Protein backbone atom coordinates (compact mmCIF):
# COMPACT_ATOMS: atom_id res chain seq x y z
CA MET A 1 -186.59 120.46 -123.57
CA THR A 2 -184.55 119.38 -120.70
CA THR A 3 -184.33 115.83 -119.35
CA ASN A 4 -186.53 116.88 -116.35
CA ASP A 5 -189.25 118.34 -118.56
CA HIS A 6 -189.54 115.21 -120.62
CA VAL A 7 -189.54 113.09 -117.57
CA LYS A 8 -192.51 115.33 -116.17
CA ASP A 9 -194.24 115.03 -119.70
CA GLN A 10 -193.98 111.29 -119.61
CA ASN A 11 -195.24 111.08 -116.00
CA ALA A 12 -198.22 113.26 -117.02
CA ILE A 13 -199.03 110.98 -119.77
CA GLU A 14 -198.97 108.02 -117.82
CA ARG A 15 -201.08 109.65 -115.18
CA HIS A 16 -203.73 110.54 -117.54
CA ALA A 17 -203.56 107.05 -119.05
CA ARG A 18 -203.87 105.45 -115.82
CA LEU A 19 -207.10 107.77 -114.90
CA ALA A 20 -208.54 106.98 -118.19
CA LEU A 21 -208.17 103.19 -117.70
CA LEU A 22 -209.63 103.54 -113.96
CA ALA A 23 -212.64 105.45 -115.40
CA LEU A 24 -213.29 102.68 -118.02
CA LEU A 25 -212.89 100.00 -115.39
CA VAL A 26 -215.37 101.85 -113.18
CA VAL A 27 -217.89 102.27 -115.81
CA SER A 28 -217.66 98.56 -116.97
CA ILE A 29 -218.08 97.35 -113.63
CA LEU A 30 -221.14 99.55 -113.12
CA VAL A 31 -222.70 98.10 -116.12
CA ASN A 32 -221.76 94.72 -115.13
CA TYR A 33 -223.74 95.09 -111.83
CA ILE A 34 -226.60 96.96 -113.50
CA ASP A 35 -226.99 94.00 -115.97
CA ARG A 36 -226.79 91.32 -113.41
CA GLY A 37 -228.89 93.14 -110.67
CA ALA A 38 -231.72 94.03 -113.08
CA LEU A 39 -233.37 90.75 -112.56
CA SER A 40 -233.93 91.30 -108.98
CA VAL A 41 -236.36 94.31 -109.58
CA ALA A 42 -237.95 92.58 -112.78
CA VAL A 43 -238.46 89.21 -111.02
CA PRO A 44 -241.80 89.91 -109.52
CA ASP A 45 -243.35 90.73 -112.92
CA ILE A 46 -241.40 87.86 -114.41
CA GLU A 47 -242.80 85.49 -111.50
CA VAL A 48 -246.24 86.53 -112.54
CA GLU A 49 -245.76 85.96 -116.37
CA PHE A 50 -244.09 82.55 -116.06
CA SER A 51 -246.06 81.36 -112.92
CA MET A 52 -243.02 80.63 -110.81
CA THR A 53 -242.97 79.11 -107.41
CA PRO A 54 -240.61 80.43 -104.69
CA SER A 55 -238.11 77.60 -105.30
CA GLN A 56 -238.10 78.41 -109.20
CA LYS A 57 -237.52 82.07 -108.25
CA GLY A 58 -234.66 81.06 -106.12
CA LEU A 59 -233.34 78.83 -109.20
CA LEU A 60 -233.68 81.84 -111.47
CA LEU A 61 -231.75 84.16 -109.28
CA SER A 62 -229.03 81.63 -108.49
CA VAL A 63 -228.31 80.23 -111.96
CA PHE A 64 -226.21 83.17 -113.11
CA PHE A 65 -223.59 82.17 -110.47
CA TRP A 66 -223.19 78.74 -111.81
CA THR A 67 -221.26 79.76 -115.04
CA TYR A 68 -220.04 83.10 -113.45
CA ALA A 69 -218.20 81.08 -110.65
CA LEU A 70 -216.91 78.27 -112.65
CA MET A 71 -215.63 80.27 -115.58
CA GLN A 72 -213.58 82.42 -113.29
CA LEU A 73 -210.81 79.65 -113.40
CA PRO A 74 -210.12 79.69 -117.24
CA ALA A 75 -210.89 83.50 -117.23
CA GLY A 76 -207.96 84.03 -114.55
CA TRP A 77 -205.76 81.73 -116.60
CA LEU A 78 -206.51 83.64 -119.76
CA VAL A 79 -205.66 87.21 -118.36
CA ASP A 80 -202.29 86.06 -117.10
CA ARG A 81 -201.40 84.75 -120.40
CA LEU A 82 -203.18 86.72 -123.34
CA ASP A 83 -203.74 90.47 -123.99
CA VAL A 84 -206.12 91.35 -121.26
CA LYS A 85 -207.38 94.20 -123.34
CA TYR A 86 -209.15 91.62 -125.75
CA VAL A 87 -210.02 89.03 -123.12
CA TYR A 88 -212.00 91.72 -121.30
CA ALA A 89 -213.54 93.20 -124.36
CA GLY A 90 -214.80 89.72 -125.46
CA GLY A 91 -216.23 88.93 -122.06
CA TYR A 92 -218.11 92.44 -122.15
CA LEU A 93 -219.52 91.62 -125.50
CA ILE A 94 -220.88 88.27 -124.45
CA TRP A 95 -222.52 89.66 -121.32
CA THR A 96 -224.04 92.57 -123.15
CA ILE A 97 -225.48 90.25 -125.76
CA ALA A 98 -227.00 88.06 -122.97
CA THR A 99 -228.49 90.88 -121.28
CA ALA A 100 -230.28 92.10 -124.56
CA MET A 101 -231.52 88.54 -125.27
CA THR A 102 -233.24 88.36 -121.82
CA GLY A 103 -235.86 90.95 -123.19
CA PHE A 104 -236.98 88.57 -126.04
CA VAL A 105 -237.19 85.06 -124.25
CA ASN A 106 -240.49 83.51 -124.43
CA GLY A 107 -240.35 80.85 -121.41
CA PHE A 108 -238.51 79.92 -118.24
CA ALA A 109 -235.98 77.69 -119.83
CA ALA A 110 -234.91 80.39 -122.17
CA LEU A 111 -234.68 82.79 -119.35
CA LEU A 112 -232.31 80.33 -117.51
CA ALA A 113 -230.21 80.07 -120.57
CA ALA A 114 -229.72 83.79 -120.97
CA ARG A 115 -228.69 83.99 -117.33
CA LEU A 116 -226.12 81.17 -117.81
CA LEU A 117 -224.54 83.12 -120.83
CA LEU A 118 -224.56 86.47 -118.91
CA GLY A 119 -222.28 84.41 -116.33
CA VAL A 120 -220.00 83.30 -118.98
CA GLY A 121 -219.33 86.89 -120.22
CA GLU A 122 -219.19 88.68 -116.85
CA SER A 123 -216.55 86.03 -115.43
CA ALA A 124 -213.85 87.89 -117.25
CA ALA A 125 -214.31 91.16 -115.34
CA TYR A 126 -212.72 90.62 -112.02
CA PRO A 127 -209.63 88.65 -113.11
CA ALA A 128 -208.89 91.31 -115.88
CA ILE A 129 -209.57 94.20 -113.35
CA SER A 130 -207.11 92.63 -110.98
CA ARG A 131 -204.42 92.05 -113.59
CA LEU A 132 -204.85 95.62 -114.87
CA ILE A 133 -204.42 97.07 -111.41
CA VAL A 134 -201.39 95.06 -110.43
CA GLU A 135 -199.57 96.19 -113.70
CA SER A 136 -200.79 99.90 -113.49
CA PHE A 137 -201.15 101.01 -109.78
CA PRO A 138 -198.77 100.95 -106.90
CA GLU A 139 -199.71 99.44 -103.45
CA GLN A 140 -200.38 102.66 -101.72
CA GLN A 141 -202.85 103.53 -104.41
CA ARG A 142 -204.75 100.19 -104.73
CA GLY A 143 -206.96 100.77 -101.81
CA LEU A 144 -208.77 103.87 -103.43
CA VAL A 145 -208.56 102.28 -106.78
CA ASN A 146 -210.08 99.09 -105.86
CA SER A 147 -212.82 101.02 -103.67
CA LEU A 148 -213.73 103.24 -106.72
CA ILE A 149 -214.23 100.16 -108.76
CA ASP A 150 -216.25 98.53 -105.90
CA ALA A 151 -218.31 101.55 -105.61
CA GLY A 152 -219.52 100.84 -109.11
CA THR A 153 -220.66 97.32 -107.89
CA LYS A 154 -222.73 99.11 -105.46
CA ILE A 155 -224.10 101.81 -107.54
CA GLY A 156 -224.94 99.46 -110.31
CA PRO A 157 -227.58 97.66 -108.19
CA ALA A 158 -228.84 100.90 -106.87
CA LEU A 159 -229.40 102.17 -110.26
CA SER A 160 -230.97 98.63 -111.28
CA ILE A 161 -233.44 98.92 -108.38
CA LEU A 162 -234.22 102.74 -108.60
CA ALA A 163 -234.35 103.43 -112.32
CA GLY A 164 -235.04 99.83 -113.24
CA GLY A 165 -237.92 99.62 -110.87
CA LEU A 166 -239.42 102.90 -112.46
CA LEU A 167 -238.82 101.82 -115.91
CA VAL A 168 -240.42 98.26 -115.31
CA ASP A 169 -243.41 99.99 -113.86
CA GLN A 170 -243.77 102.26 -116.70
CA PHE A 171 -242.83 99.94 -119.76
CA GLY A 172 -242.66 96.43 -118.47
CA TRP A 173 -239.65 94.17 -117.63
CA ARG A 174 -238.65 93.40 -121.33
CA ALA A 175 -237.98 96.90 -122.19
CA LEU A 176 -235.49 97.26 -119.18
CA PHE A 177 -233.27 94.32 -120.47
CA ILE A 178 -233.29 95.35 -124.19
CA GLY A 179 -232.51 99.05 -123.31
CA LEU A 180 -229.60 97.74 -121.18
CA GLY A 181 -228.21 95.45 -123.69
CA VAL A 182 -228.28 97.95 -126.63
CA GLY A 183 -226.90 100.85 -124.57
CA GLY A 184 -224.18 98.75 -122.98
CA PHE A 185 -222.51 98.24 -126.44
CA LEU A 186 -221.13 101.96 -126.29
CA TRP A 187 -218.52 101.24 -123.86
CA LEU A 188 -216.69 98.93 -126.17
CA LEU A 189 -215.63 102.11 -128.24
CA PRO A 190 -213.70 103.83 -126.01
CA TRP A 191 -212.05 100.69 -124.64
CA MET A 192 -210.89 99.62 -127.79
CA HIS A 193 -209.71 103.04 -128.85
CA TYR A 194 -207.88 104.34 -125.58
CA VAL A 195 -206.59 101.01 -123.86
CA PRO A 196 -203.26 99.97 -125.11
CA SER A 197 -202.48 96.44 -126.31
CA ARG A 198 -199.68 94.61 -124.51
CA PRO A 199 -196.60 94.84 -126.35
CA ARG A 200 -195.48 91.69 -128.28
CA GLN A 201 -192.95 89.73 -126.39
CA SER A 202 -189.92 88.00 -127.67
CA HIS A 203 -189.85 84.17 -127.14
CA THR A 204 -187.11 84.68 -124.64
CA THR A 205 -189.27 87.17 -122.77
CA LYS A 206 -192.32 84.80 -122.72
CA ASN A 207 -190.18 81.87 -121.46
CA GLU A 208 -189.02 84.19 -118.49
CA GLN A 209 -192.36 85.38 -117.70
CA THR A 210 -193.64 81.87 -117.82
CA LYS A 211 -190.89 80.79 -115.41
CA ASN A 212 -191.54 83.59 -112.86
CA SER A 213 -195.31 83.10 -113.10
CA PRO A 214 -196.67 80.23 -110.90
CA THR A 215 -198.94 77.69 -112.40
CA ILE A 216 -202.68 77.79 -111.36
CA ARG A 217 -201.93 74.38 -109.32
CA ARG A 218 -199.26 76.21 -107.16
CA VAL A 219 -201.48 78.97 -106.70
CA ALA A 220 -204.19 76.90 -105.62
CA MET A 221 -202.13 75.16 -103.09
CA ASN A 222 -201.37 78.33 -101.19
CA ARG A 223 -202.89 78.69 -97.79
CA SER A 224 -203.61 82.42 -98.04
CA VAL A 225 -205.56 81.78 -101.46
CA TRP A 226 -207.93 79.54 -99.48
CA GLY A 227 -208.43 81.99 -96.74
CA THR A 228 -209.21 84.92 -98.99
CA SER A 229 -211.45 82.64 -101.11
CA LEU A 230 -213.34 81.43 -98.13
CA GLY A 231 -213.81 85.17 -96.97
CA MET A 232 -214.97 86.00 -100.51
CA PHE A 233 -217.48 83.25 -100.25
CA ALA A 234 -218.77 84.91 -97.00
CA LEU A 235 -219.00 88.21 -98.90
CA GLY A 236 -220.67 86.75 -101.83
CA TYR A 237 -223.23 84.71 -99.83
CA VAL A 238 -224.46 88.11 -97.98
CA TRP A 239 -223.90 90.31 -101.10
CA TYR A 240 -226.09 88.31 -103.36
CA PHE A 241 -228.51 87.57 -100.76
CA LEU A 242 -229.31 91.27 -100.57
CA LEU A 243 -228.84 91.83 -104.08
CA THR A 244 -231.36 89.14 -105.26
CA TRP A 245 -233.72 89.08 -102.38
CA LEU A 246 -233.82 92.58 -100.91
CA PRO A 247 -236.68 94.06 -103.19
CA SER A 248 -238.93 90.89 -102.59
CA TYR A 249 -238.08 91.11 -98.78
CA LEU A 250 -239.29 94.74 -98.62
CA MET A 251 -242.45 94.03 -100.70
CA ASP A 252 -243.28 90.83 -98.79
CA ALA A 253 -242.25 91.47 -95.19
CA HIS A 254 -243.03 95.26 -95.02
CA GLY A 255 -245.69 95.54 -97.58
CA LEU A 256 -243.98 98.26 -99.75
CA ASN A 257 -245.12 98.74 -103.28
CA LEU A 258 -242.81 98.76 -106.47
CA LYS A 259 -242.00 102.51 -106.45
CA GLU A 260 -241.36 102.59 -102.74
CA THR A 261 -239.00 99.58 -103.06
CA ALA A 262 -237.26 101.04 -106.15
CA VAL A 263 -236.39 104.15 -103.88
CA LEU A 264 -235.71 102.54 -100.50
CA ALA A 265 -233.94 99.35 -101.47
CA ALA A 266 -231.58 101.60 -103.58
CA LEU A 267 -230.27 103.40 -100.33
CA PRO A 268 -228.16 100.69 -98.67
CA PHE A 269 -226.20 100.03 -102.03
CA LEU A 270 -225.57 103.92 -102.30
CA ALA A 271 -224.46 104.12 -98.76
CA MET A 272 -222.24 101.03 -99.40
CA ALA A 273 -220.58 102.72 -102.37
CA ALA A 274 -219.74 105.95 -100.29
CA SER A 275 -218.45 103.62 -97.65
CA THR A 276 -216.14 101.68 -99.72
CA VAL A 277 -214.63 104.71 -101.23
CA PHE A 278 -213.93 106.14 -97.78
CA TRP A 279 -212.40 103.11 -96.24
CA GLY A 280 -210.15 102.26 -99.20
CA TRP A 281 -208.91 105.71 -99.04
CA ALA A 282 -208.49 105.31 -95.27
CA ALA A 283 -206.43 102.35 -95.42
CA ASP A 284 -204.22 103.86 -97.95
CA ARG A 285 -203.61 106.85 -95.71
CA LEU A 286 -202.54 104.47 -92.82
CA ILE A 287 -200.13 102.70 -95.18
CA LYS A 288 -198.68 105.95 -96.48
CA HIS A 289 -198.28 106.85 -92.81
CA GLY A 290 -196.15 103.80 -91.94
CA ARG A 291 -198.58 101.29 -90.94
CA SER A 292 -198.38 97.90 -92.64
CA PRO A 293 -200.79 96.66 -95.26
CA THR A 294 -201.54 93.68 -92.93
CA PHE A 295 -202.58 96.06 -90.05
CA ALA A 296 -204.48 98.66 -92.15
CA ARG A 297 -206.38 96.41 -94.57
CA LYS A 298 -207.04 93.42 -92.18
CA LEU A 299 -208.26 95.54 -89.27
CA ILE A 300 -210.68 97.58 -91.39
CA ALA A 301 -211.86 94.50 -93.56
CA LEU A 302 -212.54 92.22 -90.51
CA GLY A 303 -213.91 94.91 -88.35
CA GLY A 304 -216.45 95.74 -91.11
CA PHE A 305 -217.40 92.19 -91.61
CA ALA A 306 -218.30 91.74 -87.73
CA ILE A 307 -220.24 95.02 -87.53
CA ALA A 308 -222.31 93.98 -90.80
CA ALA A 309 -223.19 90.64 -89.23
CA VAL A 310 -224.69 92.25 -86.21
CA LEU A 311 -226.69 94.94 -87.97
CA LEU A 312 -228.07 92.39 -90.50
CA VAL A 313 -229.55 90.35 -87.67
CA ALA A 314 -230.98 93.27 -86.20
CA ALA A 315 -232.56 94.50 -89.47
CA SER A 316 -234.46 91.13 -89.74
CA ARG A 317 -236.10 91.67 -86.32
CA VAL A 318 -237.51 95.08 -86.42
CA ALA A 319 -241.16 95.53 -87.57
CA SER A 320 -240.62 99.31 -88.94
CA SER A 321 -239.78 99.50 -92.56
CA THR A 322 -237.80 102.68 -91.50
CA SER A 323 -235.79 101.15 -88.94
CA CYS A 324 -235.12 98.15 -91.15
CA ILE A 325 -234.04 100.34 -93.95
CA LEU A 326 -231.59 102.30 -91.54
CA LEU A 327 -230.21 99.11 -90.27
CA LEU A 328 -229.65 97.73 -93.68
CA ILE A 329 -227.76 101.03 -94.49
CA GLY A 330 -225.53 100.64 -91.49
CA ALA A 331 -224.96 96.94 -92.31
CA CYS A 332 -223.97 97.87 -96.02
CA CYS A 333 -221.57 100.62 -94.86
CA ALA A 334 -219.95 98.18 -92.75
CA LEU A 335 -219.70 95.60 -95.68
CA GLY A 336 -217.88 98.59 -97.69
CA MET A 337 -215.10 98.51 -95.08
CA PHE A 338 -214.46 94.90 -96.19
CA THR A 339 -215.12 95.34 -99.86
CA ALA A 340 -212.73 98.39 -99.99
CA ASN A 341 -209.76 96.34 -98.98
CA VAL A 342 -210.39 92.82 -100.00
CA TRP A 343 -209.07 93.02 -103.71
CA ALA A 344 -206.15 95.34 -102.49
CA MET A 345 -204.88 92.44 -100.24
CA THR A 346 -205.29 89.78 -102.84
CA GLN A 347 -203.35 91.73 -105.50
CA THR A 348 -200.59 92.50 -103.09
CA MET A 349 -200.06 89.05 -102.09
CA ALA A 350 -200.65 87.53 -105.67
CA GLY A 351 -198.10 89.79 -107.58
CA PRO A 352 -197.67 87.95 -111.00
CA ALA A 353 -200.34 85.60 -110.18
CA ALA A 354 -203.10 88.31 -109.73
CA GLY A 355 -205.22 86.79 -112.59
CA SER A 356 -205.11 83.02 -111.40
CA TRP A 357 -205.59 83.95 -107.71
CA THR A 358 -208.37 86.16 -108.51
CA GLY A 359 -210.12 83.49 -110.71
CA ILE A 360 -209.92 80.95 -107.97
CA GLN A 361 -210.98 83.38 -105.21
CA ASN A 362 -213.82 84.59 -107.38
CA CYS A 363 -214.90 81.17 -108.42
CA ILE A 364 -215.03 80.01 -104.68
CA GLY A 365 -216.31 83.34 -103.56
CA ASN A 366 -219.37 83.42 -106.08
CA MET A 367 -220.35 79.93 -105.07
CA GLY A 368 -221.97 81.91 -102.27
CA GLY A 369 -224.07 83.59 -105.01
CA VAL A 370 -225.15 79.98 -106.01
CA VAL A 371 -225.94 78.94 -102.57
CA SER A 372 -227.63 81.99 -100.91
CA PRO A 373 -230.63 82.76 -103.30
CA LEU A 374 -231.50 78.97 -103.17
CA VAL A 375 -231.18 78.80 -99.41
CA ALA A 376 -233.31 81.89 -99.11
CA GLY A 377 -235.91 80.78 -101.38
CA TRP A 378 -236.25 77.29 -99.64
CA SER A 379 -236.34 78.99 -96.30
CA VAL A 380 -239.02 81.44 -97.19
CA GLU A 381 -241.08 78.65 -98.77
CA GLN A 382 -240.58 76.57 -95.70
CA THR A 383 -241.09 79.00 -92.97
CA GLY A 384 -242.93 81.72 -94.60
CA SER A 385 -240.34 84.19 -92.96
CA TYR A 386 -237.13 85.72 -94.25
CA ASN A 387 -235.51 85.73 -90.56
CA THR A 388 -233.69 82.39 -91.14
CA ALA A 389 -232.18 83.62 -94.37
CA PHE A 390 -230.83 86.77 -92.48
CA TYR A 391 -229.43 84.71 -89.66
CA ALA A 392 -227.66 82.31 -92.09
CA ALA A 393 -226.07 85.28 -93.63
CA ALA A 394 -224.69 86.46 -90.46
CA CYS A 395 -223.24 83.10 -89.47
CA VAL A 396 -221.55 82.84 -92.73
CA MET A 397 -219.92 86.29 -92.40
CA THR A 398 -218.49 84.98 -89.00
CA LEU A 399 -216.97 82.03 -90.64
CA GLY A 400 -215.58 84.25 -93.08
CA ILE A 401 -213.71 86.38 -90.45
CA ILE A 402 -212.31 83.12 -88.97
CA ALA A 403 -210.95 81.92 -92.26
CA TYR A 404 -209.04 85.21 -92.62
CA LEU A 405 -207.59 85.15 -89.29
CA VAL A 406 -206.47 81.59 -89.39
CA LEU A 407 -205.30 81.21 -93.05
CA VAL A 408 -204.35 84.36 -94.50
CA GLY A 409 -200.75 85.31 -93.90
CA PRO A 410 -199.06 88.83 -93.99
CA ILE A 411 -200.22 91.13 -96.80
CA LYS A 412 -197.11 91.16 -98.73
CA GLU A 413 -196.17 89.78 -102.13
CA ILE A 414 -195.66 86.05 -102.03
CA ASP A 415 -192.21 84.78 -103.35
CA TRP A 416 -193.72 82.00 -105.59
CA GLN A 417 -190.11 80.72 -106.48
CA SER A 418 -189.67 79.55 -102.81
CA GLU A 419 -193.12 78.10 -102.54
CA ILE A 420 -193.25 74.36 -102.49
């Protein structure tokens, strides 16, 4: 075998390994969002069983994000310093157990505890995924790679609403969580078998890596980190508002039944999945043809955010359920423009600090998930209308655009050694 043949074979092996890794990451994030999103379609039945008020309902939909957001920081630190394969496997195992446990709870307090545990487990996902993408994929591929993973975050809720709604209608809400929890364990088998561990490092190599990797304190002091984190807060606010309250909104404001809601509420999330894949590919193409990552990714991302804010307000003001769904589909397609590129921007700027930066960004970002369900629950209880909740989401997105424009620098790797 010639040297060229050996190189070709090695490249083919590496390409297949990257494709296998990408497939496992997409499936894992799909499961992640199915598990966290299942509550939104089950909550009407749970609300009746546990006699919850709208404020308690908002608390239940919010509590997951308390641990999910706060645990991003230690999760980011861990994936930058330990074998990311086992960190992610451990987090996945915890959240799968929490999902199955939800089907066996016998009271409101136990249900809150299960959601808190789910947040602990799922906090490992994004820091681990960002670290693996930085290690395995070059800049000009990261838009598509991230968008395929992001598509899983949209297809997951769509499946939760569509299949989950039909399952709850036939068998009750407990069967949904037990089935998801038991079935979720299957992913761990190919992950442990196909994903290689990081090679053991010598003491010298570890010292050099530690020297080149910035501390989490240094990362947290960077201006661009705060810009992307505030932008992620805006995304988290609107995304989790839709994820947690959309089924209830369609049933309360437009009089849809559970089966109708299961089908129609899934459509915006499916449209967003297709949009994010297209716009991630589009940004990669612009970069391959000579445009800078700053131009390609920022232009698409922030343009999408602006369009989404306008369409979201419009959706809240129409009386027709058909018009509302169409506007929500448009808003979610526009959100896909942002989600397709937001993580690629972070990964490129972070470099060796990908885990820590992702942890900080996702911690702050998911505070939006803590706030928005509570704000929506309070505003619905106070006003008897969902309009204020939609307006608030649009305002928060506008502030996210401003944060990116003012605080986030060029989309290129930061020289951490020159940072003060």
